[in-house]
Amino acid sequence: MAFVITSPCKDEKASECIEVCPVNCIEEGEDMFFINPEICIDCGACETVCPAEAIYMEDSVPEEENEYIQLNRKFFEVGNITK
C-alpha cells in the first residue's frame, strides 16, 4: 500500500513532500505531484509536511478522491499525464 496525492495538490504543487521523501518516489507532473506506488515505503513523511493536506494512505483516500488512486498509478505506467 502506498500514499496517494489527491486534488488539493492540483495546481498547488508545494514541494515539501519531495524534500522529505527518503526514497525519492515523488515526481512532478504537469499540474501536480505523484507518488510512485512501486517505490513508496509508506513512511508517512510526505503526509505530515503537505501544506495542502492532499496526501493519504491509499486505503484512507476520501471516497470523492478515489479517482486519484488510479490517476497516480497511470502516471507511472504511461508517464506525465494530466486530469
Protein backbone atom coordinates (compact mmCIF):
# COMPACT_ATOMS: atom_id res chain seq x y z
CA MET A 1 0.00 0.00 0.00
CA ALA A 2 1.32 3.43 -0.89
CA PHE A 3 0.46 7.02 -0.26
CA VAL A 4 -1.61 8.89 -2.87
CA ILE A 5 -1.66 12.59 -3.69
CA THR A 6 -5.18 13.95 -4.30
CA SER A 7 -6.91 17.00 -5.78
CA PRO A 8 -5.81 19.66 -3.25
CA CYS A 9 -2.34 19.34 -4.81
CA LYS A 10 -3.62 20.11 -8.29
CA ASP A 11 -2.18 23.48 -9.35
CA GLU A 12 -0.71 23.88 -5.83
CA LYS A 13 2.48 21.84 -6.13
CA ALA A 14 4.07 22.70 -2.80
CA SER A 15 7.30 20.70 -2.88
CA GLU A 16 7.79 19.96 0.81
CA CYS A 17 6.82 16.34 0.14
CA ILE A 18 9.64 15.88 -2.36
CA GLU A 19 12.17 17.36 0.05
CA VAL A 20 11.37 14.89 2.86
CA CYS A 21 10.86 11.67 0.87
CA PRO A 22 13.71 9.30 1.81
CA VAL A 23 13.32 7.16 -1.33
CA ASN A 24 12.63 9.88 -3.93
CA CYS A 25 9.34 8.31 -5.04
CA ILE A 26 7.50 11.62 -5.67
CA GLU A 27 7.61 13.02 -9.18
CA GLU A 28 6.31 16.25 -10.64
CA GLY A 29 3.59 16.09 -13.26
CA GLU A 30 2.24 18.93 -15.33
CA ASP A 31 -0.14 20.25 -12.68
CA MET A 32 0.50 18.17 -9.54
CA PHE A 33 2.86 15.67 -7.89
CA PHE A 34 2.52 11.89 -7.98
CA ILE A 35 3.82 9.12 -5.69
CA ASN A 36 5.26 6.02 -7.33
CA PRO A 37 3.48 3.12 -5.57
CA GLU A 38 6.27 0.71 -6.53
CA ILE A 39 8.90 2.77 -4.69
CA CYS A 40 6.94 4.28 -1.77
CA ILE A 41 7.92 2.71 1.57
CA ASP A 42 4.85 4.03 3.43
CA CYS A 43 6.91 6.08 5.87
CA GLY A 44 4.40 8.95 6.01
CA ALA A 45 6.99 11.72 5.87
CA CYS A 46 5.25 13.33 2.90
CA GLU A 47 1.82 13.25 4.52
CA THR A 48 2.93 15.13 7.61
CA VAL A 49 4.53 18.04 5.71
CA CYS A 50 1.92 18.54 2.97
CA PRO A 51 0.52 22.08 3.44
CA ALA A 52 -2.44 21.27 1.16
CA GLU A 53 -3.34 18.14 3.15
CA ALA A 54 -3.54 16.28 -0.16
CA ILE A 55 -1.70 13.08 0.78
CA TYR A 56 -3.41 9.95 2.14
CA MET A 57 -2.66 6.27 2.58
CA GLU A 58 -4.33 4.51 -0.33
CA ASP A 59 -6.94 2.84 1.89
CA SER A 60 -7.74 6.19 3.57
CA VAL A 61 -8.32 8.29 0.44
CA PRO A 62 -11.71 10.02 0.78
CA GLU A 63 -14.34 8.45 -1.46
CA GLU A 64 -14.71 11.61 -3.55
CA GLU A 65 -10.94 11.46 -4.26
CA ASN A 66 -10.77 7.75 -5.24
CA GLU A 67 -10.10 8.57 -8.89
CA TYR A 68 -6.68 9.87 -7.83
CA ILE A 69 -5.60 6.36 -6.83
CA GLN A 70 -5.79 5.23 -10.45
CA LEU A 71 -4.60 8.57 -11.81
CA ASN A 72 -1.49 8.21 -9.65
CA ARG A 73 -0.81 4.66 -10.88
CA LYS A 74 -1.38 5.62 -14.51
CA PHE A 75 1.12 8.46 -14.24
CA PHE A 76 3.88 5.93 -13.67
CA GLU A 77 2.55 3.50 -16.28
CA VAL A 78 2.33 5.95 -19.18
CA GLY A 79 4.26 8.98 -17.99
CA ASN A 80 3.32 12.58 -17.47
CA ILE A 81 -0.49 12.66 -17.78
CA THR A 82 -2.92 15.29 -16.62
CA LYS A 83 -6.51 15.12 -15.49
